[in-house]
Structure formats: structure tokens, C-alpha cells
Amino acid sequence: MNTIAATKPTDLNVFSHVSEGDTPYESGGLRDFFLYRDLGIAAATGGQVVAQLVKANMAPEAGTGWHRHEANFHIVIMLKGWARFMYEDQVTLVKTGDCVHQRPGIVHFLFDYSPDMEYLEIVSPADFTTIDMPAPAAVPAPTPWV
């Protein structure tokens, strides 16, 4: 991982270059059934933004549960496979190449995904919180992995 320090002490942003082998996929993120790869953006932006790769690690038995995030900005770009989300009362299929902007406070549930699912998640601030929410709608059953 390469970084170049900020030119002014008040500048929170630094140049960052993270290569494929610099950071591994690790458990211990928000969901235990996913693996996460830090892309160094939280450190490079002084905590203003986090960018991470997220991939499936286990079959979608229970999903994420209904929740919302305390964040100013949140996008998901599907790099491989697919995932099905409930955004409020709507089922949304997000497949390879799709981009979703999760507006601040939207109640959602990721309930189904393919074994090869991998997405890029970019959120601001980096230390966003997740709040469990009551269910606004019924959730379909996930597709079993074979």
C-alpha cells in the first residue's frame, strides 16, 4: 500500500494506492457471512469515506435483517454475481454492473445473493452506524446454494 502525505497539516486527504495483494479479505466486518477487503480509503481521507470490497462467504440463510445506516452517502456497485435486496417494500435485483445509491436512512434488507457475489461499497462517513429496524414488508425466501 502506497500513501503520500498531505501537503498541509490541515489536509485530511492523502494519495493512496492499494494493490490487489496489499490487503486481504477478512472476516469480522459488519456481517459474519461476508468477507471484507479494506481499500485504504478511510485512512487516506481521515475517516471521511470508506471503500471496501465485500464478497459472499456463506449461503444467505437469514440475510442482514431489516436495518438502516446513519450515513450521508452510500453506494453499492456489483462487480460479480447478484444480490436481492428489499428497499422498503420493493424487491430489487442488483446484478453485475449495477450501481445502487442507498439514500440516507433508507430501510433495507439484503436477503439473497449468489455464491460469487462481490460488490464495491463506498460510504461516508467511514464510521457509519447500522440501526436495526422493524420490518416494513415480508421478505421472500433466499435461493438455496447447491
C-alpha atoms as a PDB file:
ATOM      1  CA  MET A   1       0.000   0.000   0.000  1.00  0.00           C
ATOM      2  CA  ASN A   2       1.401   3.361  -1.018  1.00  0.00           C
ATOM      3  CA  THR A   3       0.446   6.696   0.504  1.00  0.00           C
ATOM      4  CA  ILE A   4       1.806  10.192   0.046  1.00  0.00           C
ATOM      5  CA  ALA A   5       1.341  12.532   2.985  1.00  0.00           C
ATOM      6  CA  ALA A   6      -0.846  15.591   2.795  1.00  0.00           C
ATOM      7  CA  THR A   7       0.910  18.809   1.852  1.00  0.00           C
ATOM      8  CA  LYS A   8      -0.730  20.851   4.649  1.00  0.00           C
ATOM      9  CA  PRO A   9      -1.283  19.741   8.251  1.00  0.00           C
ATOM     10  CA  THR A  10      -4.997  20.595   7.951  1.00  0.00           C
ATOM     11  CA  ASP A  11      -5.464  18.493   4.805  1.00  0.00           C
ATOM     12  CA  LEU A  12      -7.148  15.195   5.756  1.00  0.00           C
ATOM     13  CA  ASN A  13      -6.660  13.625   2.334  1.00  0.00           C
ATOM     14  CA  VAL A  14      -3.568  11.802   1.136  1.00  0.00           C
ATOM     15  CA  PHE A  15      -2.769   9.919  -2.030  1.00  0.00           C
ATOM     16  CA  SER A  16      -3.390   6.200  -1.653  1.00  0.00           C
ATOM     17  CA  HIS A  17      -2.724   3.242  -3.927  1.00  0.00           C
ATOM     18  CA  VAL A  18      -3.764  -0.214  -2.717  1.00  0.00           C
ATOM     19  CA  SER A  19      -2.768  -3.120  -4.953  1.00  0.00           C
ATOM     20  CA  GLU A  20      -4.619  -6.426  -5.069  1.00  0.00           C
ATOM     21  CA  GLY A  21      -2.236  -8.231  -2.698  1.00  0.00           C
ATOM     22  CA  ASP A  22      -1.841  -5.366  -0.210  1.00  0.00           C
ATOM     23  CA  THR A  23      -4.973  -6.054   1.829  1.00  0.00           C
ATOM     24  CA  PRO A  24      -6.593  -9.475   2.297  1.00  0.00           C
ATOM     25  CA  TYR A  25     -10.261 -10.407   2.518  1.00  0.00           C
ATOM     26  CA  GLU A  26     -11.089 -10.757   6.193  1.00  0.00           C
ATOM     27  CA  SER A  27     -13.998 -11.715   8.388  1.00  0.00           C
ATOM     28  CA  GLY A  28     -15.006  -9.511  11.287  1.00  0.00           C
ATOM     29  CA  GLY A  29     -16.859  -6.881   9.300  1.00  0.00           C
ATOM     30  CA  LEU A  30     -20.477  -5.859   9.716  1.00  0.00           C
ATOM     31  CA  ARG A  31     -21.809  -9.297   8.636  1.00  0.00           C
ATOM     32  CA  ASP A  32     -20.199 -12.650   9.529  1.00  0.00           C
ATOM     33  CA  PHE A  33     -21.425 -14.268   6.292  1.00  0.00           C
ATOM     34  CA  PHE A  34     -19.404 -11.814   4.170  1.00  0.00           C
ATOM     35  CA  LEU A  35     -15.668 -11.205   3.768  1.00  0.00           C
ATOM     36  CA  TYR A  36     -14.346  -7.650   3.546  1.00  0.00           C
ATOM     37  CA  ARG A  37     -11.261  -6.163   1.877  1.00  0.00           C
ATOM     38  CA  ASP A  38     -10.242  -2.688   3.014  1.00  0.00           C
ATOM     39  CA  LEU A  39      -9.131  -0.439   0.158  1.00  0.00           C
ATOM     40  CA  GLY A  40      -7.317   2.105   2.354  1.00  0.00           C
ATOM     41  CA  ILE A  41      -9.710   4.970   1.650  1.00  0.00           C
ATOM     42  CA  ALA A  42     -10.773   5.562   5.269  1.00  0.00           C
ATOM     43  CA  ALA A  43      -7.143   6.110   6.242  1.00  0.00           C
ATOM     44  CA  ALA A  44      -6.447   8.227   3.148  1.00  0.00           C
ATOM     45  CA  THR A  45      -9.448  10.522   3.768  1.00  0.00           C
ATOM     46  CA  GLY A  46      -9.094  10.924   7.517  1.00  0.00           C
ATOM     47  CA  GLY A  47     -12.283   8.902   8.060  1.00  0.00           C
ATOM     48  CA  GLN A  48     -14.420  10.886   5.629  1.00  0.00           C
ATOM     49  CA  VAL A  49     -15.098   7.898   3.324  1.00  0.00           C
ATOM     50  CA  VAL A  50     -14.718   4.122   3.466  1.00  0.00           C
ATOM     51  CA  ALA A  51     -14.376   1.918   0.391  1.00  0.00           C
ATOM     52  CA  GLN A  52     -14.316  -1.833   0.696  1.00  0.00           C
ATOM     53  CA  LEU A  53     -14.844  -4.916  -1.389  1.00  0.00           C
ATOM     54  CA  VAL A  54     -17.466  -7.273   0.043  1.00  0.00           C
ATOM     55  CA  LYS A  55     -17.955 -10.872  -1.064  1.00  0.00           C
ATOM     56  CA  ALA A  56     -20.125 -13.820  -0.136  1.00  0.00           C
ATOM     57  CA  ASN A  57     -18.640 -16.197   2.394  1.00  0.00           C
ATOM     58  CA  MET A  58     -21.668 -18.313   3.405  1.00  0.00           C
ATOM     59  CA  ALA A  59     -25.091 -19.067   1.964  1.00  0.00           C
ATOM     60  CA  PRO A  60     -27.848 -16.499   2.676  1.00  0.00           C
ATOM     61  CA  GLU A  61     -29.791 -18.229   5.423  1.00  0.00           C
ATOM     62  CA  ALA A  62     -31.070 -15.241   7.407  1.00  0.00           C
ATOM     63  CA  GLY A  63     -29.740 -12.263   5.462  1.00  0.00           C
ATOM     64  CA  THR A  64     -28.891  -8.927   7.004  1.00  0.00           C
ATOM     65  CA  GLY A  65     -32.196  -8.300   8.735  1.00  0.00           C
ATOM     66  CA  TRP A  66     -34.061  -5.014   8.367  1.00  0.00           C
ATOM     67  CA  HIS A  67     -31.815  -2.041   9.073  1.00  0.00           C
ATOM     68  CA  ARG A  68     -30.761   1.429   8.033  1.00  0.00           C
ATOM     69  CA  HIS A  69     -27.438   3.228   8.098  1.00  0.00           C
ATOM     70  CA  GLU A  70     -26.555   6.578   9.591  1.00  0.00           C
ATOM     71  CA  ALA A  71     -24.568   7.769   6.578  1.00  0.00           C
ATOM     72  CA  ASN A  72     -24.511  10.778   4.279  1.00  0.00           C
ATOM     73  CA  PHE A  73     -23.630   8.784   1.161  1.00  0.00           C
ATOM     74  CA  HIS A  74     -23.755   5.051   0.380  1.00  0.00           C
ATOM     75  CA  ILE A  75     -23.356   3.277  -2.952  1.00  0.00           C
ATOM     76  CA  VAL A  76     -23.024  -0.382  -3.881  1.00  0.00           C
ATOM     77  CA  ILE A  77     -21.523  -1.374  -7.240  1.00  0.00           C
ATOM     78  CA  MET A  78     -21.993  -5.069  -8.055  1.00  0.00           C
ATOM     79  CA  LEU A  79     -18.762  -6.443  -9.513  1.00  0.00           C
ATOM     80  CA  LYS A  80     -19.682 -10.145  -9.737  1.00  0.00           C
ATOM     81  CA  GLY A  81     -22.816 -12.212  -9.318  1.00  0.00           C
ATOM     82  CA  TRP A  82     -26.047 -10.768  -7.975  1.00  0.00           C
ATOM     83  CA  ALA A  83     -27.901  -9.877  -4.792  1.00  0.00           C
ATOM     84  CA  ARG A  84     -31.554  -9.302  -3.992  1.00  0.00           C
ATOM     85  CA  PHE A  85     -32.423  -6.512  -1.594  1.00  0.00           C
ATOM     86  CA  MET A  86     -35.656  -5.272  -0.124  1.00  0.00           C
ATOM     87  CA  TYR A  87     -35.614  -1.473  -0.206  1.00  0.00           C
ATOM     88  CA  GLU A  88     -38.594  -0.607   1.970  1.00  0.00           C
ATOM     89  CA  ASP A  89     -41.368  -2.703   0.346  1.00  0.00           C
ATOM     90  CA  GLN A  90     -39.700  -3.286  -3.047  1.00  0.00           C
ATOM     91  CA  VAL A  91     -37.610  -6.287  -4.144  1.00  0.00           C
ATOM     92  CA  THR A  92     -34.563  -5.042  -6.074  1.00  0.00           C
ATOM     93  CA  LEU A  93     -32.261  -7.364  -8.041  1.00  0.00           C
ATOM     94  CA  VAL A  94     -28.750  -5.915  -8.243  1.00  0.00           C
ATOM     95  CA  LYS A  95     -26.580  -7.738 -10.771  1.00  0.00           C
ATOM     96  CA  THR A  96     -23.078  -7.417 -12.219  1.00  0.00           C
ATOM     97  CA  GLY A  97     -22.504  -3.872 -13.466  1.00  0.00           C
ATOM     98  CA  ASP A  98     -25.389  -2.325 -11.482  1.00  0.00           C
ATOM     99  CA  CYS A  99     -24.943   0.609  -9.116  1.00  0.00           C
ATOM    100  CA  VAL A 100     -27.304   1.399  -6.227  1.00  0.00           C
ATOM    101  CA  HIS A 101     -27.367   4.666  -4.307  1.00  0.00           C
ATOM    102  CA  GLN A 102     -28.868   3.955  -0.893  1.00  0.00           C
ATOM    103  CA  ARG A 103     -30.288   7.304   0.123  1.00  0.00           C
ATOM    104  CA  PRO A 104     -29.621   8.268   3.748  1.00  0.00           C
ATOM    105  CA  GLY A 105     -31.909   6.414   6.142  1.00  0.00           C
ATOM    106  CA  ILE A 106     -33.489   4.008   3.640  1.00  0.00           C
ATOM    107  CA  VAL A 107     -34.697   0.856   5.402  1.00  0.00           C
ATOM    108  CA  HIS A 108     -33.396  -2.234   3.623  1.00  0.00           C
ATOM    109  CA  PHE A 109     -32.622  -5.958   3.871  1.00  0.00           C
ATOM    110  CA  LEU A 110     -30.116  -7.911   1.752  1.00  0.00           C
ATOM    111  CA  PHE A 111     -31.787 -11.322   1.760  1.00  0.00           C
ATOM    112  CA  ASP A 112     -30.376 -13.307  -1.169  1.00  0.00           C
ATOM    113  CA  TYR A 113     -27.147 -13.449  -3.157  1.00  0.00           C
ATOM    114  CA  SER A 114     -25.159 -15.708  -5.467  1.00  0.00           C
ATOM    115  CA  PRO A 115     -22.118 -17.680  -4.238  1.00  0.00           C
ATOM    116  CA  ASP A 116     -19.852 -15.497  -6.424  1.00  0.00           C
ATOM    117  CA  MET A 117     -21.368 -12.167  -5.275  1.00  0.00           C
ATOM    118  CA  GLU A 118     -18.817  -9.396  -4.873  1.00  0.00           C
ATOM    119  CA  TYR A 119     -19.505  -5.683  -4.616  1.00  0.00           C
ATOM    120  CA  LEU A 120     -17.708  -2.419  -4.007  1.00  0.00           C
ATOM    121  CA  GLU A 121     -19.221  -0.397  -1.181  1.00  0.00           C
ATOM    122  CA  ILE A 122     -18.427   3.298  -0.695  1.00  0.00           C
ATOM    123  CA  VAL A 123     -19.838   5.077   2.356  1.00  0.00           C
ATOM    124  CA  SER A 124     -19.421   8.433   4.051  1.00  0.00           C
ATOM    125  CA  PRO A 125     -18.538   8.834   6.835  1.00  0.00           C
ATOM    126  CA  ALA A 126     -16.220   5.852   7.248  1.00  0.00           C
ATOM    127  CA  ASP A 127     -17.526   5.094  10.739  1.00  0.00           C
ATOM    128  CA  PHE A 128     -21.197   4.929   9.729  1.00  0.00           C
ATOM    129  CA  THR A 129     -23.560   3.126  12.075  1.00  0.00           C
ATOM    130  CA  THR A 130     -26.183   0.465  11.396  1.00  0.00           C
ATOM    131  CA  ILE A 131     -29.528   0.518  13.206  1.00  0.00           C
ATOM    132  CA  ASP A 132     -31.918  -2.456  13.299  1.00  0.00           C
ATOM    133  CA  MET A 133     -35.409  -1.538  12.110  1.00  0.00           C
ATOM    134  CA  PRO A 134     -38.884  -3.103  12.200  1.00  0.00           C
ATOM    135  CA  ALA A 135     -39.962  -4.972   9.069  1.00  0.00           C
ATOM    136  CA  PRO A 136     -41.994  -2.806   6.665  1.00  0.00           C
ATOM    137  CA  ALA A 137     -42.771  -5.789   4.393  1.00  0.00           C
ATOM    138  CA  ALA A 138     -42.491  -9.564   4.056  1.00  0.00           C
ATOM    139  CA  VAL A 139     -39.190 -10.864   2.698  1.00  0.00           C
ATOM    140  CA  PRO A 140     -39.020 -13.645   0.058  1.00  0.00           C
ATOM    141  CA  ALA A 141     -37.025 -16.792   0.815  1.00  0.00           C
ATOM    142  CA  PRO A 142     -33.401 -16.881  -0.387  1.00  0.00           C
ATOM    143  CA  THR A 143     -32.282 -19.148  -3.219  1.00  0.00           C
ATOM    144  CA  PRO A 144     -30.558 -22.258  -1.767  1.00  0.00           C
ATOM    145  CA  TRP A 145     -26.938 -22.806  -2.797  1.00  0.00           C
ATOM    146  CA  VAL A 146     -26.376 -26.198  -4.377  1.00  0.00           C
END
